[in-house]
């Protein structure tokens, strides 16, 4: 996961704040169904869990297609809550 990308990186993560919000772009496979990068989403959730956060809410929105062979993009917004 590229945490340097501003769309997936939150400076609040790990700073002992109550909530952290992250976004992950899921790329749909061109052929077949399902996401081509679910491991990236899983890593994001596990990284926050290791910092003492739990997944509170997840929402998705369709981000459209990124080119002829790119498949659809789904923007996942994840809200993590600090476990006290």
Protein backbone atom coordinates (compact mmCIF):
# COMPACT_ATOMS: atom_id res chain seq x y z
CA UNK A 1 0.00 0.00 0.00
CA UNK A 2 1.34 3.42 -0.91
CA UNK A 3 0.79 5.53 2.19
CA UNK A 4 2.47 8.50 0.52
CA UNK A 5 -0.60 8.90 -1.70
CA UNK A 6 -2.74 11.56 -0.02
CA UNK A 7 -5.92 9.65 -0.84
CA UNK A 8 -4.86 6.70 1.35
CA UNK A 9 -2.75 8.36 4.04
CA UNK A 10 -3.97 10.05 7.19
CA UNK A 11 -1.55 11.92 9.42
CA UNK A 12 -3.95 11.21 12.31
CA UNK A 13 -3.20 7.49 12.14
CA UNK A 14 -1.12 6.47 15.14
CA UNK A 15 -1.34 9.88 16.85
CA UNK A 16 -3.74 8.70 19.55
CA UNK A 17 -6.76 10.49 18.07
CA UNK A 18 -10.22 9.01 18.59
CA UNK A 19 -11.03 8.51 14.89
CA UNK A 20 -9.05 8.02 11.67
CA UNK A 21 -10.53 8.22 8.16
CA UNK A 22 -8.82 6.52 5.21
CA UNK A 23 -9.77 6.00 1.58
CA UNK A 24 -8.79 3.03 -0.56
CA UNK A 25 -9.47 2.73 -4.27
CA UNK A 26 -10.58 -0.77 -5.22
CA UNK A 27 -9.93 -1.71 -8.83
CA UNK A 28 -12.48 -4.08 -10.32
CA UNK A 29 -11.15 -6.88 -12.50
CA UNK A 30 -11.78 -6.31 -16.19
CA UNK A 31 -12.82 -9.93 -16.67
CA UNK A 32 -14.89 -11.68 -14.02
CA UNK A 33 -16.14 -10.24 -10.78
CA UNK A 34 -14.57 -9.00 -7.60
CA UNK A 35 -11.81 -6.60 -6.73
CA UNK A 36 -8.31 -7.01 -8.04
CA UNK A 37 -6.71 -5.60 -4.88
CA UNK A 38 -8.62 -6.81 -1.82
CA UNK A 39 -5.27 -7.52 -0.14
CA UNK A 40 -4.64 -3.75 -0.13
CA UNK A 41 -7.91 -3.18 1.73
CA UNK A 42 -7.09 -6.00 4.14
CA UNK A 43 -3.63 -4.53 4.80
CA UNK A 44 -5.15 -1.11 5.50
CA UNK A 45 -7.54 -2.61 8.09
CA UNK A 46 -4.82 -4.72 9.72
CA UNK A 47 -2.39 -1.77 9.86
CA UNK A 48 -4.94 0.30 11.76
CA UNK A 49 -5.79 -2.63 14.06
CA UNK A 50 -2.11 -2.92 14.98
CA UNK A 51 -2.22 0.77 16.01
CA UNK A 52 -5.18 0.17 18.33
CA UNK A 53 -8.06 1.10 16.01
CA UNK A 54 -11.06 -0.96 14.94
CA UNK A 55 -13.11 -0.55 11.80
CA UNK A 56 -16.18 1.48 12.71
CA UNK A 57 -17.77 2.24 9.32
CA UNK A 58 -17.08 1.54 5.66
CA UNK A 59 -18.84 3.15 2.71
CA UNK A 60 -18.25 2.80 -1.00
CA UNK A 61 -18.93 4.88 -4.08
CA UNK A 62 -18.40 4.14 -7.75
CA UNK A 63 -15.42 6.05 -9.09
CA UNK A 64 -15.98 5.15 -12.75
CA UNK A 65 -13.53 3.64 -15.21
CA UNK A 66 -9.89 4.61 -15.70
CA UNK A 67 -9.43 3.75 -19.34
CA UNK A 68 -10.23 1.18 -21.95
CA UNK A 69 -8.86 -1.90 -20.15
CA UNK A 70 -8.85 -0.51 -16.61
CA UNK A 71 -12.13 -1.79 -15.20
CA UNK A 72 -14.24 0.16 -12.72
CA UNK A 73 -12.93 1.92 -9.62
CA UNK A 74 -14.72 1.82 -6.29
CA UNK A 75 -13.74 4.35 -3.63
CA UNK A 76 -13.93 2.83 -0.13
CA UNK A 77 -13.98 5.26 2.80
CA UNK A 78 -13.10 3.61 6.11
CA UNK A 79 -13.65 5.15 9.54
CA UNK A 80 -11.59 3.63 12.35
CA UNK A 81 -12.27 4.17 16.03
CA UNK A 82 -9.61 4.09 18.74
CA UNK A 83 -10.08 1.15 21.11
CA UNK A 84 -9.95 2.47 24.67
